[in-house]
């Protein structure tokens, strides 16, 4: 079945509450890595292939409660909590071929996002295949899971990304509309037990806990948010994600009407899974959504 045929079929209304054959706890207690904000703007050096030089003293491990999102009474929504779990089995499978990902997986994700969000236009512009044990295979670079609490864009770098992608003239025309940057994140092999994602319900994160931080490249300076600690943050994860599930994650939203604009997230080690768990293998795509 090709992706156009697959995308014409309706999505399941909601994922199952828990993976078949597996008992999952209502919550776990685990360490996550927060920024230790000191009033100055952090600056992180980014080298070749995206490798970051981060000072450990900038971050501190905190134990937090991370709720099982499969068991919550009300499922998280992209525009409310900043993330959403959906049931979707990708027809594309060759995640070791970067060119094939762009040619076949990108269009599949564009169709998915249009249908899930109601966006009039979707452009997938980037992706990362991650392995827990990073490696380089020829020209393919596998990055490790990100272990710092972060969000990929800020109120400044979101509009800059729009201009970088579309050019100044077209970006100016789009700027009068609502636009957003959304990631689609999924396991390549499942069930994913090692280094799952924890996401902070944006409704529990005040604006001041999103700390703008410079990413210093050889030829430019970008900006992301790191997360400052607050004990009232509500953390959620989805244990044992399978390959027919995907997480939509809000990286930026131009709307300032009360909906989620950003979401702090990080990988972590789930203490409830077996010690002989498989290393994480996952993919995320980044996409620009435009709404009429």
Protein backbone atom coordinates (compact mmCIF):
# COMPACT_ATOMS: atom_id res chain seq x y z
CA UNK A 1 0.00 0.00 0.00
CA UNK A 2 1.46 3.41 -0.93
CA UNK A 3 1.28 6.37 1.44
CA UNK A 4 -1.47 8.20 -0.49
CA UNK A 5 -3.75 5.16 -0.09
CA UNK A 6 -2.78 4.73 3.54
CA UNK A 7 -3.40 8.38 4.33
CA UNK A 8 -6.86 8.25 2.79
CA UNK A 9 -7.94 5.80 5.52
CA UNK A 10 -9.22 7.34 8.77
CA UNK A 11 -6.94 7.43 11.80
CA UNK A 12 -7.91 5.65 14.96
CA UNK A 13 -9.71 8.03 17.30
CA UNK A 14 -7.16 7.49 20.07
CA UNK A 15 -4.22 5.21 20.94
CA UNK A 16 -4.78 2.24 23.20
CA UNK A 17 -4.49 3.03 26.89
CA UNK A 18 -1.53 0.70 27.27
CA UNK A 19 0.56 -1.57 25.04
CA UNK A 20 -0.84 -5.07 24.65
CA UNK A 21 0.61 -7.63 27.02
CA UNK A 22 2.43 -5.04 29.16
CA UNK A 23 1.55 -3.58 32.53
CA UNK A 24 2.75 -0.01 32.85
CA UNK A 25 2.90 2.03 36.08
CA UNK A 26 0.76 5.11 36.68
CA UNK A 27 3.96 7.14 37.08
CA UNK A 28 7.70 6.80 37.58
CA UNK A 29 10.24 8.83 39.53
CA UNK A 30 13.25 9.64 37.37
CA UNK A 31 16.03 12.19 36.94
CA UNK A 32 15.85 14.91 34.31
CA UNK A 33 18.43 17.59 33.56
CA UNK A 34 17.32 21.19 34.13
CA UNK A 35 19.19 24.37 33.35
CA UNK A 36 20.60 26.01 36.48
CA UNK A 37 19.57 29.55 35.55
CA UNK A 38 21.88 32.24 36.94
CA UNK A 39 20.56 35.37 35.21
CA UNK A 40 22.96 35.32 32.26
CA UNK A 41 22.11 33.94 28.83
CA UNK A 42 23.63 30.47 28.26
CA UNK A 43 25.71 29.92 25.12
CA UNK A 44 26.26 26.43 23.71
CA UNK A 45 28.90 25.75 21.02
CA UNK A 46 27.72 23.60 18.11
CA UNK A 47 30.39 21.78 16.10
CA UNK A 48 30.38 19.56 13.05
CA UNK A 49 27.37 17.28 12.54
CA UNK A 50 25.50 19.13 15.30
CA UNK A 51 27.73 18.02 18.19
CA UNK A 52 27.25 20.38 21.15
CA UNK A 53 29.79 21.48 23.72
CA UNK A 54 27.78 21.99 26.88
CA UNK A 55 29.14 22.84 30.30
CA UNK A 56 27.85 20.34 32.85
CA UNK A 57 27.87 23.05 35.50
CA UNK A 58 25.02 24.76 33.61
CA UNK A 59 22.69 21.83 34.33
CA UNK A 60 21.46 20.03 37.40
CA UNK A 61 19.71 16.65 37.74
CA UNK A 62 16.33 16.77 39.48
CA UNK A 63 14.09 13.90 40.47
CA UNK A 64 10.57 14.41 39.13
CA UNK A 65 7.36 12.43 38.89
CA UNK A 66 6.56 11.53 35.28
CA UNK A 67 2.96 10.45 34.73
CA UNK A 68 1.93 7.68 32.34
CA UNK A 69 0.09 9.58 29.62
CA UNK A 70 -1.73 6.43 28.55
CA UNK A 71 -3.61 6.39 31.84
CA UNK A 72 -4.62 10.04 32.20
CA UNK A 73 -8.35 10.73 32.21
CA UNK A 74 -8.07 13.34 29.44
CA UNK A 75 -5.57 12.72 26.60
CA UNK A 76 -3.05 15.50 25.97
CA UNK A 77 -3.73 17.76 23.00
CA UNK A 78 -1.25 19.58 20.76
CA UNK A 79 -2.80 23.03 21.28
CA UNK A 80 -3.41 22.56 25.01
CA UNK A 81 -0.53 20.60 26.56
CA UNK A 82 1.80 21.10 23.56
CA UNK A 83 1.95 17.43 22.52
CA UNK A 84 -0.33 14.64 21.39
CA UNK A 85 -0.02 10.88 20.94
CA UNK A 86 -1.66 9.47 17.82
CA UNK A 87 -1.98 6.05 16.26
CA UNK A 88 -0.23 6.01 12.90
CA UNK A 89 1.70 3.22 11.21
CA UNK A 90 4.06 4.71 8.65
CA UNK A 91 4.14 2.91 5.31
CA UNK A 92 7.78 3.97 4.85
CA UNK A 93 10.34 1.75 6.62
CA UNK A 94 13.84 2.43 5.19
CA UNK A 95 15.11 4.80 7.87
CA UNK A 96 18.77 4.12 7.05
CA UNK A 97 18.44 5.89 3.67
CA UNK A 98 18.42 9.70 4.13
CA UNK A 99 17.46 10.39 0.52
CA UNK A 100 14.57 7.92 0.64
CA UNK A 101 13.38 9.51 3.91
CA UNK A 102 13.17 12.89 2.17
CA UNK A 103 11.55 11.48 -0.97
CA UNK A 104 8.96 9.20 0.65
CA UNK A 105 8.66 9.75 4.43
CA UNK A 106 8.48 13.56 4.24
CA UNK A 107 5.34 13.53 2.02
CA UNK A 108 3.73 10.93 4.26
CA UNK A 109 4.29 13.13 7.31
CA UNK A 110 3.01 16.21 5.46
CA UNK A 111 -0.26 14.41 4.71
CA UNK A 112 -0.50 13.22 8.31
CA UNK A 113 0.02 16.69 9.76
CA UNK A 114 -2.50 18.32 7.44
CA UNK A 115 -5.12 15.84 8.52
CA UNK A 116 -4.30 15.96 12.24
CA UNK A 117 -3.96 19.74 12.60
CA UNK A 118 -6.10 21.27 9.85
CA UNK A 119 -3.11 23.18 8.45
CA UNK A 120 -3.60 24.37 4.89
CA UNK A 121 0.08 23.91 4.05
CA UNK A 122 2.79 21.71 5.56
CA UNK A 123 6.49 21.66 4.72
CA UNK A 124 8.73 19.03 6.33
CA UNK A 125 12.19 20.58 6.27
CA UNK A 126 14.47 18.49 8.48
CA UNK A 127 14.85 15.18 10.29
CA UNK A 128 17.07 13.36 12.78
CA UNK A 129 17.48 9.62 13.14
CA UNK A 130 18.73 8.95 16.66
CA UNK A 131 20.41 5.94 18.21
CA UNK A 132 21.27 5.64 21.86
CA UNK A 133 24.78 4.61 20.90
CA UNK A 134 25.68 7.24 18.27
CA UNK A 135 27.56 6.09 15.23
CA UNK A 136 28.65 7.22 11.79
CA UNK A 137 27.97 4.79 8.94
CA UNK A 138 29.52 6.19 5.78
CA UNK A 139 27.76 9.53 5.26
CA UNK A 140 24.96 8.76 7.71
CA UNK A 141 25.25 10.35 11.16
CA UNK A 142 23.15 8.95 13.99
CA UNK A 143 22.79 11.38 16.86
CA UNK A 144 22.12 10.30 20.46
CA UNK A 145 18.95 11.18 22.39
CA UNK A 146 18.97 14.70 23.87
CA UNK A 147 19.38 14.56 27.65
CA UNK A 148 18.72 18.25 28.46
CA UNK A 149 15.27 19.74 29.00
CA UNK A 150 14.73 21.98 26.00
CA UNK A 151 12.46 23.27 23.24
CA UNK A 152 13.84 23.55 19.71
CA UNK A 153 12.68 27.13 19.01
CA UNK A 154 12.01 30.39 20.82
CA UNK A 155 9.81 33.44 20.25
CA UNK A 156 12.78 34.86 18.32
CA UNK A 157 14.07 31.85 16.39
CA UNK A 158 10.64 30.58 15.28
CA UNK A 159 10.01 33.60 12.99
CA UNK A 160 13.65 33.48 11.88
CA UNK A 161 13.16 29.84 10.82
CA UNK A 162 10.12 30.88 8.79
CA UNK A 163 12.24 33.45 6.91
CA UNK A 164 15.13 31.01 6.45
CA UNK A 165 12.77 28.48 4.86
CA UNK A 166 10.61 30.75 2.71
CA UNK A 167 12.72 33.85 2.09
CA UNK A 168 11.97 37.34 3.37
CA UNK A 169 9.21 38.24 0.90
CA UNK A 170 7.15 35.06 1.26
CA UNK A 171 7.72 34.97 5.03
CA UNK A 172 6.33 38.50 5.31
CA UNK A 173 3.15 37.35 3.53
CA UNK A 174 2.80 34.32 5.80
CA UNK A 175 3.49 36.34 8.95
CA UNK A 176 -0.03 37.70 8.80
CA UNK A 177 -1.38 34.18 9.23
CA UNK A 178 -0.98 31.65 12.01
CA UNK A 179 1.98 29.34 11.50
CA UNK A 180 3.65 26.71 13.67
CA UNK A 181 6.61 24.33 13.80
CA UNK A 182 5.67 20.79 14.82
CA UNK A 183 7.79 17.66 15.22
CA UNK A 184 6.57 14.14 14.49
CA UNK A 185 8.54 11.75 16.73
CA UNK A 186 8.33 7.96 16.61
CA UNK A 187 10.17 4.74 17.45
CA UNK A 188 11.84 2.95 14.55
CA UNK A 189 11.90 -0.26 16.56
CA UNK A 190 9.54 -1.05 19.38
CA UNK A 191 8.56 -1.33 22.05
CA UNK A 192 10.69 1.69 22.90
CA UNK A 193 11.83 1.23 26.49
CA UNK A 194 15.20 2.98 26.66
CA UNK A 195 15.48 6.80 26.65
CA UNK A 196 11.79 7.59 26.04
CA UNK A 197 10.62 11.20 25.88
CA UNK A 198 9.26 13.08 28.87
CA UNK A 199 7.18 16.16 28.06
CA UNK A 200 6.12 18.97 30.39
CA UNK A 201 2.48 19.99 30.13
CA UNK A 202 2.84 23.57 28.88
CA UNK A 203 -0.07 24.67 31.05
CA UNK A 204 2.16 23.96 34.07
CA UNK A 205 5.19 25.90 32.75
CA UNK A 206 5.25 29.70 33.27
CA UNK A 207 6.88 31.81 30.57
CA UNK A 208 9.89 32.56 32.77
CA UNK A 209 10.81 28.86 32.91
CA UNK A 210 11.59 28.92 29.18
CA UNK A 211 15.16 30.26 29.21
CA UNK A 212 16.48 31.53 25.86
CA UNK A 213 19.92 30.08 25.11
CA UNK A 214 22.29 30.77 22.22
CA UNK A 215 23.45 28.00 19.91
CA UNK A 216 26.75 29.26 18.50
CA UNK A 217 27.64 27.80 15.10
CA UNK A 218 30.71 28.62 13.03
CA UNK A 219 28.69 30.91 10.74
CA UNK A 220 25.63 31.96 12.74
CA UNK A 221 23.96 32.08 16.14
CA UNK A 222 20.68 30.25 16.72
CA UNK A 223 18.47 30.17 19.79
CA UNK A 224 16.56 27.50 21.73
CA UNK A 225 14.87 27.31 25.10
CA UNK A 226 16.27 25.32 28.01
CA UNK A 227 14.05 24.62 30.99
CA UNK A 228 14.47 26.17 34.45
CA UNK A 229 13.32 24.03 37.38
CA UNK A 230 9.96 24.45 39.07
CA UNK A 231 8.49 21.68 41.26
CA UNK A 232 4.97 22.26 39.88
CA UNK A 233 5.88 21.21 36.33
CA UNK A 234 3.64 18.29 35.24
CA UNK A 235 5.66 15.70 33.35
CA UNK A 236 4.15 13.03 31.07
CA UNK A 237 5.51 10.12 29.03
CA UNK A 238 4.13 7.26 26.95
CA UNK A 239 5.78 3.97 27.99
CA UNK A 240 6.70 1.29 25.47
CA UNK A 241 5.82 3.22 22.34
CA UNK A 242 5.39 1.03 19.27
CA UNK A 243 6.22 1.79 15.65
CA UNK A 244 2.54 2.41 14.85
CA UNK A 245 2.38 5.35 17.28
CA UNK A 246 3.70 8.89 16.88
CA UNK A 247 4.06 11.96 19.08
CA UNK A 248 3.23 15.40 17.74
CA UNK A 249 5.36 17.99 19.57
CA UNK A 250 4.84 21.77 19.36
CA UNK A 251 8.13 23.59 18.77
CA UNK A 252 6.68 27.02 18.01
CA UNK A 253 3.32 28.66 17.40
CA UNK A 254 2.85 32.23 16.21
CA UNK A 255 -0.60 32.46 17.84
CA UNK A 256 -0.64 34.24 21.19
CA UNK A 257 -4.22 33.37 22.08
CA UNK A 258 -3.67 31.01 25.00
CA UNK A 259 -2.87 27.84 23.06
CA UNK A 260 0.44 26.03 23.67
CA UNK A 261 3.30 27.71 21.83
CA UNK A 262 6.27 25.64 23.06
CA UNK A 263 6.81 22.45 25.06
CA UNK A 264 9.79 21.46 27.21
CA UNK A 265 10.90 17.87 26.63
CA UNK A 266 13.85 15.55 27.22
CA UNK A 267 14.88 11.93 27.05
CA UNK A 268 15.23 10.06 30.35
CA UNK A 269 15.81 6.55 31.64
CA UNK A 270 12.61 4.79 32.70
CA UNK A 271 13.39 2.90 35.95
CA UNK A 272 10.44 0.52 35.41
CA UNK A 273 11.78 -1.24 32.30
CA UNK A 274 14.14 -4.26 32.18
CA UNK A 275 17.89 -3.78 32.35
CA UNK A 276 18.34 -5.66 29.06
CA UNK A 277 16.14 -3.21 27.13
CA UNK A 278 16.97 -2.45 23.50
CA UNK A 279 18.84 0.82 22.83
CA UNK A 280 16.60 3.56 21.51
CA UNK A 281 16.24 3.97 17.74
CA UNK A 282 13.93 6.82 16.73
CA UNK A 283 13.22 9.47 14.11
CA UNK A 284 11.80 12.96 14.35
CA UNK A 285 10.88 15.27 11.49
CA UNK A 286 10.46 19.03 11.82
CA UNK A 287 7.74 20.73 9.84
CA UNK A 288 6.37 24.18 9.12
CA UNK A 289 2.57 24.42 9.28
CA UNK A 290 0.61 27.35 7.83
CA UNK A 291 -3.04 27.94 8.66
CA UNK A 292 -5.49 29.98 6.57
